[in-house]
PDB file of N, CA and C in Angstrom:
ATOM      1  N   MET A   1      57.152 -60.039-125.431  1.00  0.00           N
ATOM      2  CA  MET A   1      59.046 -60.346-125.679  1.00  0.00           C
ATOM      3  C   MET A   1      59.375 -59.077-124.387  1.00  0.00           C
ATOM      4  N   LEU A   2      60.225 -59.257-123.617  1.00  0.00           N
ATOM      5  CA  LEU A   2      61.057 -58.198-122.850  1.00  0.00           C
ATOM      6  C   LEU A   2      62.270 -57.577-124.075  1.00  0.00           C
ATOM      7  N   SER A   3      62.441 -56.457-123.630  1.00  0.00           N
ATOM      8  CA  SER A   3      63.347 -55.542-123.896  1.00  0.00           C
ATOM      9  C   SER A   3      64.375 -54.901-123.107  1.00  0.00           C
ATOM     10  N   ARG A   4      65.674 -55.551-122.644  1.00  0.00           N
ATOM     11  CA  ARG A   4      66.389 -55.289-121.845  1.00  0.00           C
ATOM     12  C   ARG A   4      67.844 -54.320-122.310  1.00  0.00           C
ATOM     13  N   ALA A   5      69.028 -53.891-122.016  1.00  0.00           N
ATOM     14  CA  ALA A   5      69.822 -53.295-121.869  1.00  0.00           C
ATOM     15  C   ALA A   5      71.059 -53.970-121.337  1.00  0.00           C
ATOM     16  N   PRO A   6      72.366 -54.305-121.428  1.00  0.00           N
ATOM     17  CA  PRO A   6      73.099 -55.578-121.250  1.00  0.00           C
ATOM     18  C   PRO A   6      74.107 -54.424-120.186  1.00  0.00           C
ATOM     19  N   SER A   7      74.434 -54.445-118.812  1.00  0.00           N
ATOM     20  CA  SER A   7      75.061 -53.531-118.248  1.00  0.00           C
ATOM     21  C   SER A   7      76.575 -53.410-118.516  1.00  0.00           C
ATOM     22  N   SER A   8      76.926 -52.443-117.926  1.00  0.00           N
ATOM     23  CA  SER A   8      78.268 -52.249-118.325  1.00  0.00           C
ATOM     24  C   SER A   8      79.453 -53.299-118.685  1.00  0.00           C
ATOM     25  N   VAL A   9      78.767 -54.208-118.125  1.00  0.00           N
ATOM     26  CA  VAL A   9      80.269 -55.295-118.381  1.00  0.00           C
ATOM     27  C   VAL A   9      79.196 -56.349-119.316  1.00  0.00           C
ATOM     28  N   GLY A  10      78.239 -56.126-119.790  1.00  0.00           N
ATOM     29  CA  GLY A  10      77.631 -56.625-120.867  1.00  0.00           C
ATOM     30  C   GLY A  10      76.626 -58.012-120.703  1.00  0.00           C
ATOM     31  N   ARG A  11      76.423 -57.755-119.403  1.00  0.00           N
ATOM     32  CA  ARG A  11      75.173 -58.873-118.912  1.00  0.00           C
ATOM     33  C   ARG A  11      74.357 -58.480-118.709  1.00  0.00           C
ATOM     34  N   LEU A  12      73.538 -59.492-118.763  1.00  0.00           N
ATOM     35  CA  LEU A  12      71.790 -59.807-118.615  1.00  0.00           C
ATOM     36  C   LEU A  12      71.500 -60.028-117.378  1.00  0.00           C
ATOM     37  N   CYS A  13      70.450 -60.016-116.548  1.00  0.00           N
ATOM     38  CA  CYS A  13      70.096 -60.596-115.412  1.00  0.00           C
ATOM     39  C   CYS A  13      68.416 -60.890-115.331  1.00  0.00           C
ATOM     40  N   LEU A  14      68.198 -61.878-115.917  1.00  0.00           N
ATOM     41  CA  LEU A  14      66.705 -62.514-116.006  1.00  0.00           C
ATOM     42  C   LEU A  14      66.471 -63.614-115.194  1.00  0.00           C
ATOM     43  N   TYR A  15      65.326 -64.114-114.496  1.00  0.00           N
ATOM     44  CA  TYR A  15      65.147 -64.777-114.136  1.00  0.00           C
ATOM     45  C   TYR A  15      66.209 -65.724-113.199  1.00  0.00           C
ATOM     46  N   ARG A  16      66.344 -64.601-112.385  1.00  0.00           N
ATOM     47  CA  ARG A  16      67.792 -64.650-111.209  1.00  0.00           C
ATOM     48  C   ARG A  16      68.936 -65.377-112.087  1.00  0.00           C
ATOM     49  N   LYS A  17      68.882 -65.282-113.015  1.00  0.00           N
ATOM     50  CA  LYS A  17      70.351 -65.737-113.812  1.00  0.00           C
ATOM     51  C   LYS A  17      70.767 -64.879-114.351  1.00  0.00           C
ATOM     52  N   ARG A  18      72.339 -65.167-114.635  1.00  0.00           N
ATOM     53  CA  ARG A  18      73.157 -64.233-115.187  1.00  0.00           C
ATOM     54  C   ARG A  18      73.608 -64.324-116.902  1.00  0.00           C
ATOM     55  N   ILE A  19      73.303 -63.394-117.267  1.00  0.00           N
ATOM     56  CA  ILE A  19      73.343 -63.921-118.977  1.00  0.00           C
ATOM     57  C   ILE A  19      74.868 -63.185-119.229  1.00  0.00           C
ATOM     58  N   ASP A  20      75.921 -63.863-119.659  1.00  0.00           N
ATOM     59  CA  ASP A  20      76.931 -62.727-120.619  1.00  0.00           C
ATOM     60  C   ASP A  20      76.520 -62.879-121.944  1.00  0.00           C
ATOM     61  N   ILE A  21      76.077 -61.485-122.110  1.00  0.00           N
ATOM     62  CA  ILE A  21      76.066 -61.405-123.578  1.00  0.00           C
ATOM     63  C   ILE A  21      77.539 -60.783-124.327  1.00  0.00           C
ATOM     64  N   SER A  22      77.680 -59.613-124.516  1.00  0.00           N
ATOM     65  CA  SER A  22      78.565 -58.948-125.186  1.00  0.00           C
ATOM     66  C   SER A  22      78.850 -57.347-124.777  1.00  0.00           C
ATOM     67  N   THR A  23      80.329 -57.246-124.412  1.00  0.00           N
ATOM     68  CA  THR A  23      80.266 -55.554-123.962  1.00  0.00           C
ATOM     69  C   THR A  23      79.970 -54.888-125.252  1.00  0.00           C
ATOM     70  N   VAL A  24      80.066 -55.474-126.582  1.00  0.00           N
ATOM     71  CA  VAL A  24      79.631 -54.670-127.420  1.00  0.00           C
ATOM     72  C   VAL A  24      78.335 -54.228-127.861  1.00  0.00           C
ATOM     73  N   LEU A  25      77.849 -54.807-126.907  1.00  0.00           N
ATOM     74  CA  LEU A  25      76.291 -54.238-127.169  1.00  0.00           C
ATOM     75  C   LEU A  25      75.608 -53.895-125.806  1.00  0.00           C
ATOM     76  N   VAL A  26      76.558 -53.164-124.941  1.00  0.00           N
ATOM     77  CA  VAL A  26      76.061 -52.174-123.841  1.00  0.00           C
ATOM     78  C   VAL A  26      75.512 -51.243-123.995  1.00  0.00           C
ATOM     79  N   GLY A  27      74.376 -50.852-123.044  1.00  0.00           N
ATOM     80  CA  GLY A  27      73.580 -49.650-123.465  1.00  0.00           C
ATOM     81  C   GLY A  27      72.642 -49.999-125.005  1.00  0.00           C
ATOM     82  N   GLN A  28      72.696 -51.020-125.342  1.00  0.00           N
ATOM     83  CA  GLN A  28      71.657 -51.475-126.798  1.00  0.00           C
ATOM     84  C   GLN A  28      70.611 -52.044-126.057  1.00  0.00           C
ATOM     85  N   GLN A  29      69.397 -51.729-126.810  1.00  0.00           N
ATOM     86  CA  GLN A  29      68.521 -52.560-126.312  1.00  0.00           C
ATOM     87  C   GLN A  29      68.228 -53.911-126.896  1.00  0.00           C
ATOM     88  N   LEU A  30      67.910 -54.714-126.283  1.00  0.00           N
ATOM     89  CA  LEU A  30      67.593 -56.532-126.892  1.00  0.00           C
ATOM     90  C   LEU A  30      66.131 -57.199-126.515  1.00  0.00           C
ATOM     91  N   GLY A  31      66.170 -57.337-127.740  1.00  0.00           N
ATOM     92  CA  GLY A  31      64.682 -58.212-127.530  1.00  0.00           C
ATOM     93  C   GLY A  31      64.635 -59.600-127.260  1.00  0.00           C
ATOM     94  N   ILE A  32      64.669 -60.141-125.854  1.00  0.00           N
ATOM     95  CA  ILE A  32      64.587 -61.112-125.158  1.00  0.00           C
ATOM     96  C   ILE A  32      62.802 -62.051-125.559  1.00  0.00           C
ATOM     97  N   GLU A  33      63.005 -63.219-125.989  1.00  0.00           N
ATOM     98  CA  GLU A  33      61.182 -63.964-126.190  1.00  0.00           C
ATOM     99  C   GLU A  33      61.501 -65.608-125.553  1.00  0.00           C
ATOM    100  N   GLU A  34      60.826 -65.821-124.648  1.00  0.00           N
ATOM    101  CA  GLU A  34      60.861 -67.290-124.644  1.00  0.00           C
ATOM    102  C   GLU A  34      60.276 -68.064-125.527  1.00  0.00           C
ATOM    103  N   VAL A  35      60.961 -68.719-126.303  1.00  0.00           N
ATOM    104  CA  VAL A  35      60.450 -69.460-127.015  1.00  0.00           C
ATOM    105  C   VAL A  35      59.734 -71.246-127.177  1.00  0.00           C
ATOM    106  N   ASP A  36      60.612 -71.529-125.832  1.00  0.00           N
ATOM    107  CA  ASP A  36      60.381 -72.433-125.204  1.00  0.00           C
ATOM    108  C   ASP A  36      60.651 -72.622-123.635  1.00  0.00           C
ATOM    109  N   ASP A  37      60.435 -73.582-123.199  1.00  0.00           N
ATOM    110  CA  ASP A  37      60.620 -73.554-121.174  1.00  0.00           C
ATOM    111  C   ASP A  37      62.090 -73.586-121.479  1.00  0.00           C
ATOM    112  N   GLY A  38      62.663 -72.430-120.970  1.00  0.00           N
ATOM    113  CA  GLY A  38      64.302 -72.028-120.310  1.00  0.00           C
ATOM    114  C   GLY A  38      64.967 -71.759-121.846  1.00  0.00           C
ATOM    115  N   ILE A  39      64.056 -71.770-123.008  1.00  0.00           N
ATOM    116  CA  ILE A  39      64.749 -71.532-124.155  1.00  0.00           C
ATOM    117  C   ILE A  39      64.340 -69.938-124.243  1.00  0.00           C
ATOM    118  N   LEU A  40      65.152 -68.815-124.279  1.00  0.00           N
ATOM    119  CA  LEU A  40      65.056 -67.761-125.107  1.00  0.00           C
ATOM    120  C   LEU A  40      66.023 -67.397-126.488  1.00  0.00           C
ATOM    121  N   LEU A  41      65.040 -66.418-126.931  1.00  0.00           N
ATOM    122  CA  LEU A  41      65.730 -66.094-128.434  1.00  0.00           C
ATOM    123  C   LEU A  41      65.891 -64.510-128.019  1.00  0.00           C
ATOM    124  N   VAL A  42      67.235 -64.340-128.121  1.00  0.00           N
ATOM    125  CA  VAL A  42      67.706 -63.178-127.874  1.00  0.00           C
ATOM    126  C   VAL A  42      68.057 -62.451-129.325  1.00  0.00           C
ATOM    127  N   SER A  43      67.291 -60.916-129.505  1.00  0.00           N
ATOM    128  CA  SER A  43      67.508 -59.986-131.141  1.00  0.00           C
ATOM    129  C   SER A  43      68.049 -58.793-130.536  1.00  0.00           C
ATOM    130  N   PHE A  44      68.596 -58.366-131.590  1.00  0.00           N
ATOM    131  CA  PHE A  44      68.947 -56.809-131.504  1.00  0.00           C
ATOM    132  C   PHE A  44      68.291 -56.359-132.561  1.00  0.00           C
ATOM    133  N   MET A  45      67.055 -55.526-132.631  1.00  0.00           N
ATOM    134  CA  MET A  45      67.298 -54.522-133.688  1.00  0.00           C
ATOM    135  C   MET A  45      66.161 -55.510-134.063  1.00  0.00           C
ATOM    136  N   HIS A  46      66.589 -56.123-135.716  1.00  0.00           N
ATOM    137  CA  HIS A  46      65.249 -56.606-136.691  1.00  0.00           C
ATOM    138  C   HIS A  46      66.238 -58.205-136.725  1.00  0.00           C
ATOM    139  N   ASP A  47      67.041 -58.605-136.248  1.00  0.00           N
ATOM    140  CA  ASP A  47      68.075 -59.601-136.119  1.00  0.00           C
ATOM    141  C   ASP A  47      68.207 -60.438-135.085  1.00  0.00           C
ATOM    142  N   ASP A  48      67.836 -61.705-135.423  1.00  0.00           N
ATOM    143  CA  ASP A  48      67.676 -62.821-134.200  1.00  0.00           C
ATOM    144  C   ASP A  48      69.235 -63.270-133.882  1.00  0.00           C
ATOM    145  N   LEU A  49      69.521 -62.931-132.797  1.00  0.00           N
ATOM    146  CA  LEU A  49      71.426 -63.625-132.382  1.00  0.00           C
ATOM    147  C   LEU A  49      71.483 -64.788-131.965  1.00  0.00           C
ATOM    148  N   GLY A  50      70.658 -65.432-131.810  1.00  0.00           N
ATOM    149  CA  GLY A  50      70.817 -66.847-130.630  1.00  0.00           C
ATOM    150  C   GLY A  50      69.814 -67.433-130.205  1.00  0.00           C
ATOM    151  N   TYR A  51      70.009 -68.232-129.805  1.00  0.00           N
ATOM    152  CA  TYR A  51      68.980 -68.488-128.520  1.00  0.00           C
ATOM    153  C   TYR A  51      69.806 -69.215-126.989  1.00  0.00           C
ATOM    154  N   PHE A  52      69.431 -68.621-125.965  1.00  0.00           N
ATOM    155  CA  PHE A  52      70.117 -69.292-124.797  1.00  0.00           C
ATOM    156  C   PHE A  52      69.491 -69.763-123.838  1.00  0.00           C
ATOM    157  N   ASP A  53      70.199 -70.553-123.506  1.00  0.00           N
ATOM    158  CA  ASP A  53      69.261 -72.132-122.177  1.00  0.00           C
ATOM    159  C   ASP A  53      69.294 -71.241-121.182  1.00  0.00           C
ATOM    160  N   LEU A  54      68.784 -71.344-120.580  1.00  0.00           N
ATOM    161  CA  LEU A  54      68.825 -70.790-119.153  1.00  0.00           C
ATOM    162  C   LEU A  54      69.391 -71.928-117.861  1.00  0.00           C
ATOM    163  N   GLU A  55      68.793 -73.303-118.546  1.00  0.00           N
ATOM    164  CA  GLU A  55      69.587 -74.454-117.581  1.00  0.00           C
ATOM    165  C   GLU A  55      70.992 -74.262-117.635  1.00  0.00           C
ATOM    166  N   GLN A  56      71.399 -74.499-118.929  1.00  0.00           N
ATOM    167  CA  GLN A  56      72.988 -74.936-119.550  1.00  0.00           C
ATOM    168  C   GLN A  56      73.929 -73.458-119.238  1.00  0.00           C
ATOM    169  N   LYS A  57      73.017 -72.367-119.292  1.00  0.00           N
ATOM    170  CA  LYS A  57      73.697 -71.223-119.107  1.00  0.00           C
ATOM    171  C   LYS A  57      74.587 -71.274-120.641  1.00  0.00           C
ATOM    172  N   THR A  58      73.981 -71.500-121.840  1.00  0.00           N
ATOM    173  CA  THR A  58      74.973 -71.424-123.084  1.00  0.00           C
ATOM    174  C   THR A  58      73.885 -70.947-123.944  1.00  0.00           C
ATOM    175  N   LEU A  59      75.146 -70.195-124.567  1.00  0.00           N
ATOM    176  CA  LEU A  59      74.203 -69.115-126.265  1.00  0.00           C
ATOM    177  C   LEU A  59      74.373 -69.965-127.318  1.00  0.00           C
ATOM    178  N   GLN A  60      73.470 -70.359-128.207  1.00  0.00           N
ATOM    179  CA  GLN A  60      74.423 -70.852-129.264  1.00  0.00           C
ATOM    180  C   GLN A  60      73.779 -69.820-130.406  1.00  0.00           C
ATOM    181  N   PRO A  61      74.791 -69.412-130.893  1.00  0.00           N
ATOM    182  CA  PRO A  61      74.453 -68.042-131.769  1.00  0.00           C
ATOM    183  C   PRO A  61      74.167 -68.786-133.210  1.00  0.00           C
ATOM    184  N   LEU A  62      72.974 -67.751-133.790  1.00  0.00           N
ATOM    185  CA  LEU A  62      72.540 -68.592-135.058  1.00  0.00           C
ATOM    186  C   LEU A  62      73.812 -68.456-136.085  1.00  0.00           C
ATOM    187  N   ASP A  63      73.895 -68.807-137.140  1.00  0.00           N
ATOM    188  CA  ASP A  63      74.621 -68.588-138.449  1.00  0.00           C
ATOM    189  C   ASP A  63      74.362 -67.681-139.078  1.00  0.00           C
ATOM    190  N   ASN A  64      75.522 -66.415-139.175  1.00  0.00           N
ATOM    191  CA  ASN A  64      75.694 -65.303-139.668  1.00  0.00           C
ATOM    192  C   ASN A  64      74.462 -64.582-139.340  1.00  0.00           C
ATOM    193  N   PRO A  65      73.915 -64.310-138.467  1.00  0.00           N
ATOM    194  CA  PRO A  65      72.559 -63.773-138.550  1.00  0.00           C
ATOM    195  C   PRO A  65      72.469 -62.118-138.949  1.00  0.00           C
ATOM    196  N   PHE A  66      73.266 -61.570-139.692  1.00  0.00           N
ATOM    197  CA  PHE A  66      73.367 -60.356-140.381  1.00  0.00           C
ATOM    198  C   PHE A  66      73.604 -60.763-141.673  1.00  0.00           C
ATOM    199  N   GLY A  67      73.517 -61.951-142.157  1.00  0.00           N
ATOM    200  CA  GLY A  67      73.746 -62.187-143.781  1.00  0.00           C
ATOM    201  C   GLY A  67      74.475 -61.485-144.235  1.00  0.00           C
ATOM    202  N   THR A  68      73.895 -61.028-145.426  1.00  0.00           N
ATOM    203  CA  THR A  68      75.067 -60.424-146.742  1.00  0.00           C
ATOM    204  C   THR A  68      74.863 -58.757-146.396  1.00  0.00           C
ATOM    205  N   ARG A  69      74.224 -58.402-145.822  1.00  0.00           N
ATOM    206  CA  ARG A  69      74.467 -56.936-145.583  1.00  0.00           C
ATOM    207  C   ARG A  69      75.614 -56.122-145.359  1.00  0.00           C
ATOM    208  N   LEU A  70      76.357 -56.970-144.209  1.00  0.00           N
ATOM    209  CA  LEU A  70      77.370 -56.360-144.225  1.00  0.00           C
ATOM    210  C   LEU A  70      79.046 -56.487-144.928  1.00  0.00           C
ATOM    211  N   SER A  71      79.858 -55.781-145.268  1.00  0.00           N
ATOM    212  CA  SER A  71      80.647 -55.954-146.041  1.00  0.00           C
ATOM    213  C   SER A  71      81.763 -56.448-145.164  1.00  0.00           C
ATOM    214  N   PRO A  72      82.901 -57.339-145.934  1.00  0.00           N
ATOM    215  CA  PRO A  72      83.691 -57.985-145.162  1.00  0.00           C
ATOM    216  C   PRO A  72      84.986 -56.681-145.202  1.00  0.00           C
ATOM    217  N   MET A  73      85.608 -56.497-143.616  1.00  0.00           N
ATOM    218  CA  MET A  73      86.818 -55.544-144.060  1.00  0.00           C
ATOM    219  C   MET A  73      87.936 -55.603-144.547  1.00  0.00           C
ATOM    220  N   SER A  74      88.437 -55.034-144.808  1.00  0.00           N
ATOM    221  CA  SER A  74      89.663 -54.916-145.991  1.00  0.00           C
ATOM    222  C   SER A  74      90.808 -54.439-145.078  1.00  0.00           C
TER     223      SER A  74
END
């Protein structure tokens, strides 16, 4: 598993590909693990955020990766 932090514009560069993640996660370490040929699992802390397809350059988010631990904003 790789550990990388997005650049100041929220981008990771892996395998000569630019991956736009989010400016919200700038400076935070993300876990990157190849789970299949060209498919990367992106994690933050202990939560899996989604899968990134290197060929299609798309991020498929998981259903609510934070579960019920976060309270809705009022």
